[in-house]
Protein backbone atom coordinates (compact mmCIF):
# COMPACT_ATOMS: atom_id res chain seq x y z
CA MET A 1 -42.52 4.26 25.43
CA SER A 2 -41.40 7.61 24.04
CA THR A 3 -39.01 7.98 26.99
CA THR A 4 -37.35 4.72 26.05
CA THR A 5 -37.10 5.80 22.41
CA GLU A 6 -35.45 9.08 23.51
CA LYS A 7 -32.93 7.27 25.68
CA THR A 8 -32.19 4.85 22.90
CA SER A 9 -31.69 7.59 20.32
CA SER A 10 -29.40 9.64 22.56
CA ALA A 11 -27.30 6.54 23.27
CA VAL A 12 -27.09 5.98 19.49
CA VAL A 13 -25.99 9.57 18.90
CA SER A 14 -23.25 9.52 21.53
CA SER A 15 -21.92 6.11 20.36
CA ALA A 16 -22.30 6.93 16.67
CA LYS A 17 -19.74 9.78 16.90
CA PRO A 18 -16.40 8.21 17.80
CA GLY A 19 -14.88 11.63 18.45
CA ALA A 20 -17.72 12.91 20.67
CA LEU A 21 -16.71 16.06 22.60
CA SER A 22 -18.30 14.85 25.88
CA SER A 23 -18.07 11.39 27.39
CA THR A 24 -18.00 9.76 30.77
CA GLN A 25 -14.18 10.11 30.72
CA GLY A 26 -14.15 13.86 30.24
CA SER A 27 -14.95 16.65 27.83
CA THR A 28 -13.20 18.50 25.05
CA THR A 29 -13.54 22.22 24.40
CA ILE A 30 -12.62 23.61 21.01
CA ALA A 31 -11.70 27.29 20.76
CA ASP A 32 -13.26 29.61 18.16
CA THR A 33 -9.82 30.23 16.61
CA VAL A 34 -9.39 26.52 15.88
CA VAL A 35 -12.76 26.38 14.01
CA SER A 36 -12.01 29.63 12.17
CA LYS A 37 -8.61 28.31 10.97
CA ILE A 38 -10.14 25.05 9.74
CA ALA A 39 -12.91 26.90 7.95
CA GLY A 40 -10.45 29.40 6.40
CA ILE A 41 -8.18 26.62 5.05
CA ALA A 42 -11.16 24.70 3.74
CA ALA A 43 -12.60 27.77 1.97
CA ARG A 44 -9.29 28.59 0.32
CA GLU A 45 -9.05 25.06 -1.07
CA VAL A 46 -12.09 25.62 -3.37
CA ASN A 47 -11.25 26.68 -6.89
CA GLY A 48 -12.60 30.11 -7.62
CA VAL A 49 -11.87 31.68 -4.24
CA TYR A 50 -9.30 34.43 -4.84
CA ASN A 51 -8.99 35.57 -1.25
CA LEU A 52 -10.84 35.78 2.03
CA GLY A 53 -11.83 38.90 3.90
CA GLY A 54 -13.11 42.42 3.13
CA GLY A 55 -11.04 45.36 2.04
CA ALA A 56 -9.80 46.37 5.53
CA SER A 57 -8.93 42.83 6.74
CA ARG A 58 -7.09 42.10 3.43
CA ALA A 59 -5.06 45.29 3.80
CA ILE A 60 -4.14 44.42 7.37
CA GLY A 61 -3.28 40.85 6.32
CA ALA A 62 -1.06 42.13 3.49
CA LEU A 63 0.84 44.37 5.94
CA ARG A 64 1.13 41.43 8.39
CA GLU A 65 2.61 39.14 5.71
CA ARG A 66 5.37 41.68 4.93
CA ILE A 67 6.67 41.48 8.44
CA PRO A 68 9.67 39.11 8.55
CA GLY A 69 8.81 35.90 10.25
CA ALA A 70 5.06 36.53 10.16
CA THR A 71 2.74 33.75 9.11
CA THR A 72 -0.41 33.81 7.02
CA ASN A 73 -3.61 34.45 8.95
CA HIS A 74 -5.73 31.49 7.97
CA SER A 75 -8.78 32.82 9.78
CA GLN A 76 -8.83 36.14 7.87
CA GLY A 77 -12.39 36.79 6.64
CA ILE A 78 -13.87 34.09 8.88
CA SER A 79 -16.01 34.59 11.95
CA VAL A 80 -17.43 31.70 13.93
CA GLU A 81 -19.71 31.00 16.81
CA VAL A 82 -18.92 27.82 18.64
CA GLY A 83 -21.17 26.13 21.17
CA GLU A 84 -20.85 22.83 23.03
CA LYS A 85 -22.06 20.73 20.10
CA GLN A 86 -22.63 23.13 17.16
CA ALA A 87 -20.83 25.80 15.24
CA ALA A 88 -21.92 28.58 12.84
CA VAL A 89 -19.49 30.07 10.28
CA ASP A 90 -19.59 33.40 8.43
CA ILE A 91 -17.22 33.83 5.47
CA ASP A 92 -16.26 37.02 3.57
CA LEU A 93 -14.61 36.17 0.26
CA ILE A 94 -13.53 37.50 -3.09
CA ALA A 95 -14.46 35.37 -6.08
CA GLU A 96 -12.36 35.02 -9.25
CA TYR A 97 -13.92 36.53 -12.33
CA GLY A 98 -15.82 34.07 -14.52
CA VAL A 99 -16.78 31.67 -11.73
CA SER A 100 -20.41 30.94 -11.04
CA ILE A 101 -20.92 32.57 -7.65
CA ALA A 102 -23.85 30.22 -6.75
CA ASP A 103 -21.63 27.16 -7.53
CA LEU A 104 -18.70 28.72 -5.64
CA ALA A 105 -20.78 29.36 -2.56
CA SER A 106 -22.15 25.80 -2.66
CA GLY A 107 -18.66 24.31 -3.02
CA VAL A 108 -17.24 26.53 -0.18
CA ARG A 109 -20.16 25.67 2.04
CA ARG A 110 -19.83 21.87 1.37
CA ASN A 111 -16.05 21.88 1.93
CA VAL A 112 -16.22 23.97 5.13
CA ILE A 113 -18.97 21.84 6.62
CA ALA A 114 -17.15 18.58 5.82
CA SER A 115 -13.83 19.85 7.15
CA VAL A 116 -15.16 21.31 10.37
CA GLU A 117 -17.40 18.35 11.17
CA ARG A 118 -14.69 15.78 10.38
CA MET A 119 -11.94 17.51 12.34
CA THR A 120 -13.88 18.76 15.37
CA GLY A 121 -16.94 16.61 15.77
CA LEU A 122 -19.10 19.74 15.92
CA GLN A 123 -22.31 19.94 13.94
CA VAL A 124 -22.16 22.97 11.56
CA THR A 125 -25.60 24.53 11.63
CA GLU A 126 -24.95 27.20 8.96
CA VAL A 127 -22.29 28.66 6.69
CA ASN A 128 -23.10 32.19 5.59
CA ILE A 129 -21.10 33.48 2.67
CA ASP A 130 -20.73 37.15 1.75
CA VAL A 131 -19.07 37.72 -1.60
CA ASN A 132 -17.45 41.17 -1.35
CA ASP A 133 -15.74 41.56 -4.68
CA VAL A 134 -14.73 39.83 -7.92
CA HIS A 135 -11.05 39.61 -8.76
CA ILE A 136 -10.19 40.52 -12.31
CA PRO A 137 -6.72 39.18 -13.25
CA SER A 138 -5.78 42.23 -15.33
CA GLU A 139 -5.89 44.33 -12.15
CA ASP A 140 -2.91 42.47 -10.68
CA ASP A 141 -1.05 42.20 -13.99
CA GLU A 142 -0.56 45.98 -14.10
CA ASP A 143 1.12 45.91 -10.66
CA ASP A 144 3.50 43.10 -11.70
CA GLU A 145 4.82 44.78 -14.84
CA PRO A 146 8.14 46.57 -14.52
CA ALA A 147 7.98 50.33 -14.45
CA LYS A 148 8.05 51.88 -17.89
CA PRO A 149 11.05 54.05 -18.60
CA ALA A 150 10.45 57.77 -18.37
CA ARG A 151 9.61 59.38 -21.63
CA VAL A 152 11.39 62.60 -20.68
CA GLN A 153 14.86 63.02 -19.15
């Protein structure tokens, strides 16, 4: 009887997911870069995320964006491991000052899981978040101010 139950439950699982990656008509393979772009865009949508990536990847990303015709790297700060049916996501991010990091991590995790599962049909087993820094708005304000005139000529 347990064999019948297992067959029934597997049939339910494959028919419950309309976008199943494997069927009798063929299979679909999703590249790691696809999942990392989806996760990167989903993480950036959450209020309180200033940027993604650690110091080195942000510096390289800033250089890349200055090249004429270059596009934004949506997978910056994201690493993924994609299997046949599941995916795991690791995110490095910088939080905005004043935001609850626990709430931010929960919101990012929820948004990434929902986006990846909805768009790919993969089950997200875990989303690990590493908060590398806190962005303080006054740090950038100093860079945006025009240069002060020289006091001595």
